[in-house]
Amino acid sequence: MQAGGHRFEPGILHQDRHTDRQMSKYAYTDYFLKEVLRKRPYIKREWCEEVVSHPIRWERQEDNRWRFWGQVEELDRRILGVVTLDDRTTIHNAFPDRGFKL
């Protein structure tokens, strides 16, 4: 599904469980917080949120998850892939996608 094909509404607001100061519409799985950020410490949560909010492409996966792609200026304009749970607001995984093609 191309980003221009459908209007995307990411969902209701959830408090970011990891900062008391900021409200965020996104939550994070334990896997993301404990494994993804440990393996890829250069990935920033705000990049993931931006990709999900303004993807250049997204699609539903077979396992009731969504995959989003976006270009991140701070990653030398590389493409970041972000996987969310079915609610499209709980971020589960993120990775530079070297094989991404439009």
PDB file of N, CA and C in Angstrom:
ATOM      1  N   MET A   1       0.834  -1.166   0.000  1.00  0.00           N
ATOM      2  CA  MET A   1       0.000   0.000   0.000  1.00  0.00           C
ATOM      3  C   MET A   1       0.889   1.243   0.000  1.00  0.00           C
ATOM      4  N   GLN A   2       0.685   2.119  -0.928  1.00  0.00           N
ATOM      5  CA  GLN A   2       1.463   3.345  -0.992  1.00  0.00           C
ATOM      6  C   GLN A   2       0.930   4.350   0.017  1.00  0.00           C
ATOM      7  N   ALA A   3       1.804   5.200   0.505  1.00  0.00           N
ATOM      8  CA  ALA A   3       1.418   6.169   1.526  1.00  0.00           C
ATOM      9  C   ALA A   3       0.312   7.089   1.040  1.00  0.00           C
ATOM     10  N   GLY A   4       0.302   7.419  -0.225  1.00  0.00           N
ATOM     11  CA  GLY A   4      -0.715   8.308  -0.750  1.00  0.00           C
ATOM     12  C   GLY A   4      -2.037   7.623  -0.996  1.00  0.00           C
ATOM     13  N   GLY A   5      -2.098   6.293  -0.906  1.00  0.00           N
ATOM     14  CA  GLY A   5      -3.286   5.546  -1.245  1.00  0.00           C
ATOM     15  C   GLY A   5      -4.401   5.639  -0.225  1.00  0.00           C
ATOM     16  N   HIS A   6      -4.088   5.724   1.040  1.00  0.00           N
ATOM     17  CA  HIS A   6      -5.091   5.758   2.094  1.00  0.00           C
ATOM     18  C   HIS A   6      -4.671   6.747   3.165  1.00  0.00           C
ATOM     19  N   ARG A   7      -5.673   7.318   3.801  1.00  0.00           N
ATOM     20  CA  ARG A   7      -5.372   8.197   4.936  1.00  0.00           C
ATOM     21  C   ARG A   7      -4.983   7.328   6.125  1.00  0.00           C
ATOM     22  N   PHE A   8      -3.938   7.698   6.807  1.00  0.00           N
ATOM     23  CA  PHE A   8      -3.434   6.884   7.920  1.00  0.00           C
ATOM     24  C   PHE A   8      -3.642   7.621   9.221  1.00  0.00           C
ATOM     25  N   GLU A   9      -4.373   7.016  10.134  1.00  0.00           N
ATOM     26  CA  GLU A   9      -4.585   7.562  11.471  1.00  0.00           C
ATOM     27  C   GLU A   9      -3.959   6.603  12.468  1.00  0.00           C
ATOM     28  N   PRO A  10      -2.872   6.974  13.129  1.00  0.00           N
ATOM     29  CA  PRO A  10      -2.155   6.021  13.967  1.00  0.00           C
ATOM     30  C   PRO A  10      -2.861   5.602  15.247  1.00  0.00           C
ATOM     31  N   GLY A  11      -3.883   6.266  15.690  1.00  0.00           N
ATOM     32  CA  GLY A  11      -4.590   5.767  16.867  1.00  0.00           C
ATOM     33  C   GLY A  11      -4.667   6.772  17.992  1.00  0.00           C
ATOM     34  N   ILE A  12      -5.107   6.289  19.137  1.00  0.00           N
ATOM     35  CA  ILE A  12      -5.312   7.152  20.286  1.00  0.00           C
ATOM     36  C   ILE A  12      -4.001   7.410  21.024  1.00  0.00           C
ATOM     37  N   LEU A  13      -4.029   8.388  21.885  1.00  0.00           N
ATOM     38  CA  LEU A  13      -2.828   8.741  22.647  1.00  0.00           C
ATOM     39  C   LEU A  13      -2.598   7.763  23.791  1.00  0.00           C
ATOM     40  N   HIS A  14      -1.367   7.337  23.945  1.00  0.00           N
ATOM     41  CA  HIS A  14      -0.937   6.519  25.071  1.00  0.00           C
ATOM     42  C   HIS A  14       0.222   7.245  25.717  1.00  0.00           C
ATOM     43  N   GLN A  15       0.330   7.161  27.009  1.00  0.00           N
ATOM     44  CA  GLN A  15       1.469   7.785  27.670  1.00  0.00           C
ATOM     45  C   GLN A  15       2.716   6.979  27.382  1.00  0.00           C
ATOM     46  N   ASP A  16       3.776   7.668  27.029  1.00  0.00           N
ATOM     47  CA  ASP A  16       5.067   7.019  26.866  1.00  0.00           C
ATOM     48  C   ASP A  16       5.479   6.535  28.251  1.00  0.00           C
ATOM     49  N   ARG A  17       5.570   5.232  28.407  1.00  0.00           N
ATOM     50  CA  ARG A  17       5.836   4.651  29.727  1.00  0.00           C
ATOM     51  C   ARG A  17       7.235   4.979  30.239  1.00  0.00           C
ATOM     52  N   HIS A  18       8.055   5.582  29.416  1.00  0.00           N
ATOM     53  CA  HIS A  18       9.460   5.730  29.788  1.00  0.00           C
ATOM     54  C   HIS A  18       9.867   7.170  30.037  1.00  0.00           C
ATOM     55  N   THR A  19       8.938   8.095  29.860  1.00  0.00           N
ATOM     56  CA  THR A  19       9.200   9.469  30.293  1.00  0.00           C
ATOM     57  C   THR A  19       7.915  10.016  30.883  1.00  0.00           C
ATOM     58  N   ASP A  20       7.998  10.559  32.062  1.00  0.00           N
ATOM     59  CA  ASP A  20       6.826  11.138  32.693  1.00  0.00           C
ATOM     60  C   ASP A  20       6.518  12.520  32.131  1.00  0.00           C
ATOM     61  N   ARG A  21       7.488  13.138  31.491  1.00  0.00           N
ATOM     62  CA  ARG A  21       7.338  14.508  31.038  1.00  0.00           C
ATOM     63  C   ARG A  21       6.613  14.631  29.713  1.00  0.00           C
ATOM     64  N   GLN A  22       6.601  13.596  28.894  1.00  0.00           N
ATOM     65  CA  GLN A  22       6.124  13.729  27.535  1.00  0.00           C
ATOM     66  C   GLN A  22       5.003  12.741  27.241  1.00  0.00           C
ATOM     67  N   MET A  23       3.940  13.239  26.629  1.00  0.00           N
ATOM     68  CA  MET A  23       2.882  12.357  26.154  1.00  0.00           C
ATOM     69  C   MET A  23       3.238  11.950  24.730  1.00  0.00           C
ATOM     70  N   SER A  24       3.027  10.698  24.430  1.00  0.00           N
ATOM     71  CA  SER A  24       3.314  10.192  23.102  1.00  0.00           C
ATOM     72  C   SER A  24       2.177   9.294  22.675  1.00  0.00           C
ATOM     73  N   LYS A  25       1.878   9.279  21.393  1.00  0.00           N
ATOM     74  CA  LYS A  25       0.851   8.362  20.908  1.00  0.00           C
ATOM     75  C   LYS A  25       1.421   6.971  20.685  1.00  0.00           C
ATOM     76  N   TYR A  26       2.700   6.789  20.977  1.00  0.00           N
ATOM     77  CA  TYR A  26       3.370   5.514  20.737  1.00  0.00           C
ATOM     78  C   TYR A  26       3.796   4.832  22.030  1.00  0.00           C
ATOM     79  N   ALA A  27       3.747   3.509  22.010  1.00  0.00           N
ATOM     80  CA  ALA A  27       4.258   2.676  23.093  1.00  0.00           C
ATOM     81  C   ALA A  27       5.330   1.777  22.478  1.00  0.00           C
ATOM     82  N   TYR A  28       6.038   1.058  23.306  1.00  0.00           N
ATOM     83  CA  TYR A  28       7.143   0.202  22.849  1.00  0.00           C
ATOM     84  C   TYR A  28       7.043  -1.152  23.527  1.00  0.00           C
ATOM     85  N   THR A  29       7.311  -2.206  22.773  1.00  0.00           N
ATOM     86  CA  THR A  29       7.324  -3.537  23.384  1.00  0.00           C
ATOM     87  C   THR A  29       8.597  -3.702  24.206  1.00  0.00           C
ATOM     88  N   ASP A  30       8.557  -4.641  25.139  1.00  0.00           N
ATOM     89  CA  ASP A  30       9.766  -4.957  25.898  1.00  0.00           C
ATOM     90  C   ASP A  30      10.873  -5.412  24.962  1.00  0.00           C
ATOM     91  N   TYR A  31      10.516  -6.161  23.914  1.00  0.00           N
ATOM     92  CA  TYR A  31      11.511  -6.613  22.945  1.00  0.00           C
ATOM     93  C   TYR A  31      12.242  -5.414  22.335  1.00  0.00           C
ATOM     94  N   PHE A  32      11.498  -4.384  21.936  1.00  0.00           N
ATOM     95  CA  PHE A  32      12.134  -3.201  21.355  1.00  0.00           C
ATOM     96  C   PHE A  32      13.075  -2.548  22.361  1.00  0.00           C
ATOM     97  N   LEU A  33      12.583  -2.343  23.579  1.00  0.00           N
ATOM     98  CA  LEU A  33      13.374  -1.634  24.583  1.00  0.00           C
ATOM     99  C   LEU A  33      14.593  -2.421  25.048  1.00  0.00           C
ATOM    100  N   LYS A  34      14.451  -3.737  25.183  1.00  0.00           N
ATOM    101  CA  LYS A  34      15.545  -4.544  25.744  1.00  0.00           C
ATOM    102  C   LYS A  34      16.471  -5.142  24.692  1.00  0.00           C
ATOM    103  N   GLU A  35      15.943  -5.453  23.528  1.00  0.00           N
ATOM    104  CA  GLU A  35      16.752  -6.125  22.507  1.00  0.00           C
ATOM    105  C   GLU A  35      17.143  -5.206  21.351  1.00  0.00           C
ATOM    106  N   VAL A  36      16.163  -4.561  20.748  1.00  0.00           N
ATOM    107  CA  VAL A  36      16.446  -3.747  19.567  1.00  0.00           C
ATOM    108  C   VAL A  36      17.382  -2.595  19.915  1.00  0.00           C
ATOM    109  N   LEU A  37      17.061  -1.862  20.967  1.00  0.00           N
ATOM    110  CA  LEU A  37      17.922  -0.726  21.327  1.00  0.00           C
ATOM    111  C   LEU A  37      19.286  -1.175  21.834  1.00  0.00           C
ATOM    112  N   ARG A  38      19.365  -2.371  22.391  1.00  0.00           N
ATOM    113  CA  ARG A  38      20.671  -2.900  22.815  1.00  0.00           C
ATOM    114  C   ARG A  38      21.514  -3.281  21.591  1.00  0.00           C
ATOM    115  N   LYS A  39      20.895  -3.928  20.614  1.00  0.00           N
ATOM    116  CA  LYS A  39      21.623  -4.358  19.408  1.00  0.00           C
ATOM    117  C   LYS A  39      21.933  -3.203  18.465  1.00  0.00           C
ATOM    118  N   ARG A  40      21.046  -2.212  18.460  1.00  0.00           N
ATOM    119  CA  ARG A  40      21.200  -1.064  17.550  1.00  0.00           C
ATOM    120  C   ARG A  40      21.074   0.235  18.346  1.00  0.00           C
ATOM    121  N   PRO A  41      22.059   0.527  19.191  1.00  0.00           N
ATOM    122  CA  PRO A  41      21.939   1.686  20.089  1.00  0.00           C
ATOM    123  C   PRO A  41      21.886   3.032  19.368  1.00  0.00           C
ATOM    124  N   TYR A  42      22.227   3.054  18.108  1.00  0.00           N
ATOM    125  CA  TYR A  42      22.189   4.302  17.332  1.00  0.00           C
ATOM    126  C   TYR A  42      20.756   4.678  16.933  1.00  0.00           C
ATOM    127  N   ILE A  43      19.806   3.746  16.989  1.00  0.00           N
ATOM    128  CA  ILE A  43      18.417   4.032  16.617  1.00  0.00           C
ATOM    129  C   ILE A  43      17.750   4.836  17.720  1.00  0.00           C
ATOM    130  N   LYS A  44      17.083   5.900  17.320  1.00  0.00           N
ATOM    131  CA  LYS A  44      16.390   6.767  18.270  1.00  0.00           C
ATOM    132  C   LYS A  44      14.881   6.554  18.147  1.00  0.00           C
ATOM    133  N   ARG A  45      14.211   6.579  19.293  1.00  0.00           N
ATOM    134  CA  ARG A  45      12.764   6.379  19.295  1.00  0.00           C
ATOM    135  C   ARG A  45      12.043   7.408  18.441  1.00  0.00           C
ATOM    136  N   GLU A  46      12.517   8.658  18.465  1.00  0.00           N
ATOM    137  CA  GLU A  46      11.838   9.692  17.681  1.00  0.00           C
ATOM    138  C   GLU A  46      11.910   9.415  16.182  1.00  0.00           C
ATOM    139  N   TRP A  47      12.993   8.769  15.713  1.00  0.00           N
ATOM    140  CA  TRP A  47      13.070   8.379  14.299  1.00  0.00           C
ATOM    141  C   TRP A  47      11.973   7.369  13.978  1.00  0.00           C
ATOM    142  N   CYS A  48      11.792   6.392  14.856  1.00  0.00           N
ATOM    143  CA  CYS A  48      10.768   5.363  14.651  1.00  0.00           C
ATOM    144  C   CYS A  48       9.384   5.993  14.607  1.00  0.00           C
ATOM    145  N   GLU A  49       9.124   6.894  15.532  1.00  0.00           N
ATOM    146  CA  GLU A  49       7.832   7.559  15.575  1.00  0.00           C
ATOM    147  C   GLU A  49       7.588   8.375  14.311  1.00  0.00           C
ATOM    148  N   GLU A  50       8.611   9.052  13.830  1.00  0.00           N
ATOM    149  CA  GLU A  50       8.484   9.847  12.607  1.00  0.00           C
ATOM    150  C   GLU A  50       8.205   8.957  11.398  1.00  0.00           C
ATOM    151  N   VAL A  51       8.877   7.809  11.317  1.00  0.00           N
ATOM    152  CA  VAL A  51       8.654   6.886  10.206  1.00  0.00           C
ATOM    153  C   VAL A  51       7.213   6.376  10.222  1.00  0.00           C
ATOM    154  N   VAL A  52       6.705   6.003  11.396  1.00  0.00           N
ATOM    155  CA  VAL A  52       5.333   5.501  11.487  1.00  0.00           C
ATOM    156  C   VAL A  52       4.329   6.621  11.191  1.00  0.00           C
ATOM    157  N   SER A  53       4.610   7.821  11.630  1.00  0.00           N
ATOM    158  CA  SER A  53       3.712   8.960  11.404  1.00  0.00           C
ATOM    159  C   SER A  53       3.687   9.423   9.956  1.00  0.00           C
ATOM    160  N   HIS A  54       4.843   9.339   9.279  1.00  0.00           N
ATOM    161  CA  HIS A  54       4.968   9.858   7.909  1.00  0.00           C
ATOM    162  C   HIS A  54       5.760   8.883   7.038  1.00  0.00           C
ATOM    163  N   PRO A  55       5.222   7.696   6.823  1.00  0.00           N
ATOM    164  CA  PRO A  55       5.971   6.700   6.041  1.00  0.00           C
ATOM    165  C   PRO A  55       5.989   7.034   4.551  1.00  0.00           C
ATOM    166  N   ILE A  56       7.033   6.566   3.884  1.00  0.00           N
ATOM    167  CA  ILE A  56       7.028   6.653   2.424  1.00  0.00           C
ATOM    168  C   ILE A  56       6.347   5.416   1.836  1.00  0.00           C
ATOM    169  N   ARG A  57       6.208   4.375   2.681  1.00  0.00           N
ATOM    170  CA  ARG A  57       5.484   3.168   2.293  1.00  0.00           C
ATOM    171  C   ARG A  57       5.130   2.386   3.556  1.00  0.00           C
ATOM    172  N   TRP A  58       4.023   1.661   3.520  1.00  0.00           N
ATOM    173  CA  TRP A  58       3.676   0.757   4.622  1.00  0.00           C
ATOM    174  C   TRP A  58       2.884  -0.409   4.073  1.00  0.00           C
ATOM    175  N   GLU A  59       2.901  -1.507   4.832  1.00  0.00           N
ATOM    176  CA  GLU A  59       2.120  -2.677   4.444  1.00  0.00           C
ATOM    177  C   GLU A  59       1.833  -3.527   5.680  1.00  0.00           C
ATOM    178  N   ARG A  60       0.755  -4.279   5.582  1.00  0.00           N
ATOM    179  CA  ARG A  60       0.400  -5.207   6.660  1.00  0.00           C
ATOM    180  C   ARG A  60       1.169  -6.498   6.455  1.00  0.00           C
ATOM    181  N   GLN A  61       1.697  -7.034   7.529  1.00  0.00           N
ATOM    182  CA  GLN A  61       2.390  -8.316   7.484  1.00  0.00           C
ATOM    183  C   GLN A  61       1.401  -9.428   7.834  1.00  0.00           C
ATOM    184  N   GLU A  62       1.762 -10.654   7.519  1.00  0.00           N
ATOM    185  CA  GLU A  62       0.890 -11.799   7.782  1.00  0.00           C
ATOM    186  C   GLU A  62       0.675 -12.058   9.271  1.00  0.00           C
ATOM    187  N   ASP A  63       1.598 -11.670  10.115  1.00  0.00           N
ATOM    188  CA  ASP A  63       1.517 -11.958  11.552  1.00  0.00           C
ATOM    189  C   ASP A  63       0.810 -10.855  12.352  1.00  0.00           C
ATOM    190  N   ASN A  64      -0.128 -10.166  11.705  1.00  0.00           N
ATOM    191  CA  ASN A  64      -0.891  -9.087  12.342  1.00  0.00           C
ATOM    192  C   ASN A  64      -0.009  -7.958  12.848  1.00  0.00           C
ATOM    193  N   ARG A  65       1.025  -7.688  12.105  1.00  0.00           N
ATOM    194  CA  ARG A  65       1.884  -6.536  12.386  1.00  0.00           C
ATOM    195  C   ARG A  65       1.919  -5.658  11.151  1.00  0.00           C
ATOM    196  N   TRP A  66       2.385  -4.459  11.349  1.00  0.00           N
ATOM    197  CA  TRP A  66       2.523  -3.507  10.243  1.00  0.00           C
ATOM    198  C   TRP A  66       3.986  -3.152  10.081  1.00  0.00           C
ATOM    199  N   ARG A  67       4.411  -2.968   8.849  1.00  0.00           N
ATOM    200  CA  ARG A  67       5.775  -2.543   8.566  1.00  0.00           C
ATOM    201  C   ARG A  67       5.715  -1.199   7.846  1.00  0.00           C
ATOM    202  N   PHE A  68       6.524  -0.270   8.322  1.00  0.00           N
ATOM    203  CA  PHE A  68       6.604   1.083   7.774  1.00  0.00           C
ATOM    204  C   PHE A  68       8.042   1.361   7.354  1.00  0.00           C
ATOM    205  N   TRP A  69       8.208   2.175   6.305  1.00  0.00           N
ATOM    206  CA  TRP A  69       9.536   2.573   5.873  1.00  0.00           C
ATOM    207  C   TRP A  69       9.576   4.083   5.742  1.00  0.00           C
ATOM    208  N   GLY A  70      10.715   4.661   6.107  1.00  0.00           N
ATOM    209  CA  GLY A  70      10.915   6.091   5.955  1.00  0.00           C
ATOM    210  C   GLY A  70      12.391   6.412   5.879  1.00  0.00           C
ATOM    211  N   GLN A  71      12.678   7.515   5.233  1.00  0.00           N
ATOM    212  CA  GLN A  71      14.062   7.965   5.099  1.00  0.00           C
ATOM    213  C   GLN A  71      14.414   8.824   6.310  1.00  0.00           C
ATOM    214  N   VAL A  72      15.567   8.542   6.905  1.00  0.00           N
ATOM    215  CA  VAL A  72      15.993   9.260   8.108  1.00  0.00           C
ATOM    216  C   VAL A  72      17.249  10.065   7.782  1.00  0.00           C
ATOM    217  N   GLU A  73      17.104  11.362   7.848  1.00  0.00           N
ATOM    218  CA  GLU A  73      18.210  12.274   7.535  1.00  0.00           C
ATOM    219  C   GLU A  73      19.445  11.967   8.383  1.00  0.00           C
ATOM    220  N   GLU A  74      19.239  11.736   9.688  1.00  0.00           N
ATOM    221  CA  GLU A  74      20.351  11.502  10.611  1.00  0.00           C
ATOM    222  C   GLU A  74      21.052  10.165  10.393  1.00  0.00           C
ATOM    223  N   LEU A  75      20.472   9.292   9.592  1.00  0.00           N
ATOM    224  CA  LEU A  75      21.112   8.015   9.227  1.00  0.00           C
ATOM    225  C   LEU A  75      21.707   8.106   7.823  1.00  0.00           C
ATOM    226  N   ASP A  76      22.190   9.295   7.481  1.00  0.00           N
ATOM    227  CA  ASP A  76      22.730   9.550   6.141  1.00  0.00           C
ATOM    228  C   ASP A  76      21.696   9.263   5.065  1.00  0.00           C
ATOM    229  N   ARG A  77      20.436   9.627   5.371  1.00  0.00           N
ATOM    230  CA  ARG A  77      19.308   9.495   4.450  1.00  0.00           C
ATOM    231  C   ARG A  77      18.997   8.045   4.092  1.00  0.00           C
ATOM    232  N   ARG A  78      19.436   7.113   4.944  1.00  0.00           N
ATOM    233  CA  ARG A  78      19.087   5.702   4.713  1.00  0.00           C
ATOM    234  C   ARG A  78      17.649   5.434   5.109  1.00  0.00           C
ATOM    235  N   ILE A  79      17.155   4.308   4.672  1.00  0.00           N
ATOM    236  CA  ILE A  79      15.783   3.902   4.958  1.00  0.00           C
ATOM    237  C   ILE A  79      15.743   3.125   6.269  1.00  0.00           C
ATOM    238  N   LEU A  80      14.816   3.515   7.139  1.00  0.00           N
ATOM    239  CA  LEU A  80      14.594   2.807   8.390  1.00  0.00           C
ATOM    240  C   LEU A  80      13.281   2.045   8.272  1.00  0.00           C
ATOM    241  N   GLY A  81      13.330   0.751   8.544  1.00  0.00           N
ATOM    242  CA  GLY A  81      12.127  -0.059   8.615  1.00  0.00           C
ATOM    243  C   GLY A  81      11.676  -0.130  10.062  1.00  0.00           C
ATOM    244  N   VAL A  82      10.384   0.038  10.289  1.00  0.00           N
ATOM    245  CA  VAL A  82       9.823   0.002  11.639  1.00  0.00           C
ATOM    246  C   VAL A  82       8.626  -0.948  11.621  1.00  0.00           C
ATOM    247  N   VAL A  83       8.596  -1.867  12.568  1.00  0.00           N
ATOM    248  CA  VAL A  83       7.494  -2.825  12.694  1.00  0.00           C
ATOM    249  C   VAL A  83       6.692  -2.480  13.933  1.00  0.00           C
ATOM    250  N   THR A  84       5.363  -2.418  13.767  1.00  0.00           N
ATOM    251  CA  THR A  84       4.483  -2.180  14.903  1.00  0.00           C
ATOM    252  C   THR A  84       3.562  -3.380  15.097  1.00  0.00           C
ATOM    253  N   LEU A  85       2.950  -3.429  16.258  1.00  0.00           N
ATOM    254  CA  LEU A  85       1.902  -4.406  16.484  1.00  0.00           C
ATOM    255  C   LEU A  85       0.669  -3.984  15.692  1.00  0.00           C
ATOM    256  N   ASP A  86      -0.379  -4.776  15.731  1.00  0.00           N
ATOM    257  CA  ASP A  86      -1.571  -4.542  14.926  1.00  0.00           C
ATOM    258  C   ASP A  86      -2.207  -3.178  15.176  1.00  0.00           C
ATOM    259  N   ASP A  87      -2.010  -2.599  16.364  1.00  0.00           N
ATOM    260  CA  ASP A  87      -2.603  -1.291  16.678  1.00  0.00           C
ATOM    261  C   ASP A  87      -1.916  -0.133  15.960  1.00  0.00           C
ATOM    262  N   ARG A  88      -0.788  -0.388  15.321  1.00  0.00           N
ATOM    263  CA  ARG A  88      -0.002   0.602  14.571  1.00  0.00           C
ATOM    264  C   ARG A  88       0.552   1.718  15.450  1.00  0.00           C
ATOM    265  N   THR A  89       0.535   1.529  16.766  1.00  0.00           N
ATOM    266  CA  THR A  89       1.109   2.529  17.675  1.00  0.00           C
ATOM    267  C   THR A  89       2.118   1.923  18.643  1.00  0.00           C
ATOM    268  N   THR A  90       2.191   0.592  18.709  1.00  0.00           N
ATOM    269  CA  THR A  90       3.157  -0.059  19.589  1.00  0.00           C
ATOM    270  C   THR A  90       4.334  -0.518  18.745  1.00  0.00           C
ATOM    271  N   ILE A  91       5.470   0.127  18.922  1.00  0.00           N
ATOM    272  CA  ILE A  91       6.656  -0.143  18.114  1.00  0.00           C
ATOM    273  C   ILE A  91       7.368  -1.366  18.671  1.00  0.00           C
ATOM    274  N   HIS A  92       7.625  -2.322  17.774  1.00  0.00           N
ATOM    275  CA  HIS A  92       8.187  -3.615  18.156  1.00  0.00           C
ATOM    276  C   HIS A  92       9.608  -3.834  17.633  1.00  0.00           C
ATOM    277  N   ASN A  93       9.932  -3.291  16.475  1.00  0.00           N
ATOM    278  CA  ASN A  93      11.247  -3.524  15.880  1.00  0.00           C
ATOM    279  C   ASN A  93      11.604  -2.358  14.975  1.00  0.00           C
ATOM    280  N   ALA A  94      12.897  -2.146  14.765  1.00  0.00           N
ATOM    281  CA  ALA A  94      13.379  -1.112  13.851  1.00  0.00           C
ATOM    282  C   ALA A  94      14.755  -1.514  13.360  1.00  0.00           C
ATOM    283  N   PHE A  95      15.029  -1.214  12.091  1.00  0.00           N
ATOM    284  CA  PHE A  95      16.286  -1.644  11.482  1.00  0.00           C
ATOM    285  C   PHE A  95      16.533  -0.835  10.219  1.00  0.00           C
ATOM    286  N   PRO A  96      17.799  -0.570   9.889  1.00  0.00           N
ATOM    287  CA  PRO A  96      18.102   0.027   8.590  1.00  0.00           C
ATOM    288  C   PRO A  96      17.790  -1.017   7.522  1.00  0.00           C
ATOM    289  N   ASP A  97      17.022  -0.650   6.517  1.00  0.00           N
ATOM    290  CA  ASP A  97      16.609  -1.591   5.483  1.00  0.00           C
ATOM    291  C   ASP A  97      17.414  -1.334   4.219  1.00  0.00           C
ATOM    292  N   ARG A  98      18.521  -2.030   4.081  1.00  0.00           N
ATOM    293  CA  ARG A  98      19.409  -1.840   2.936  1.00  0.00           C
ATOM    294  C   ARG A  98      18.802  -2.334   1.632  1.00  0.00           C
ATOM    295  N   GLY A  99      17.827  -3.239   1.712  1.00  0.00           N
ATOM    296  CA  GLY A  99      17.222  -3.796   0.508  1.00  0.00           C
ATOM    297  C   GLY A  99      15.930  -3.120   0.078  1.00  0.00           C
ATOM    298  N   PHE A 100      15.566  -2.005   0.713  1.00  0.00           N
ATOM    299  CA  PHE A 100      14.305  -1.338   0.403  1.00  0.00           C
ATOM    300  C   PHE A 100      14.293  -0.803  -1.024  1.00  0.00           C
ATOM    301  N   LYS A 101      13.173  -1.067  -1.710  1.00  0.00           N
ATOM    302  CA  LYS A 101      12.959  -0.516  -3.051  1.00  0.00           C
ATOM    303  C   LYS A 101      11.524  -0.021  -3.132  1.00  0.00           C
ATOM    304  N   LEU A 102      11.338   1.145  -3.727  1.00  0.00           N
ATOM    305  CA  LEU A 102       9.975   1.684  -3.905  1.00  0.00           C
ATOM    306  C   LEU A 102       9.215   0.881  -4.927  1.00  0.00           C
TER     307      LEU A 102
END
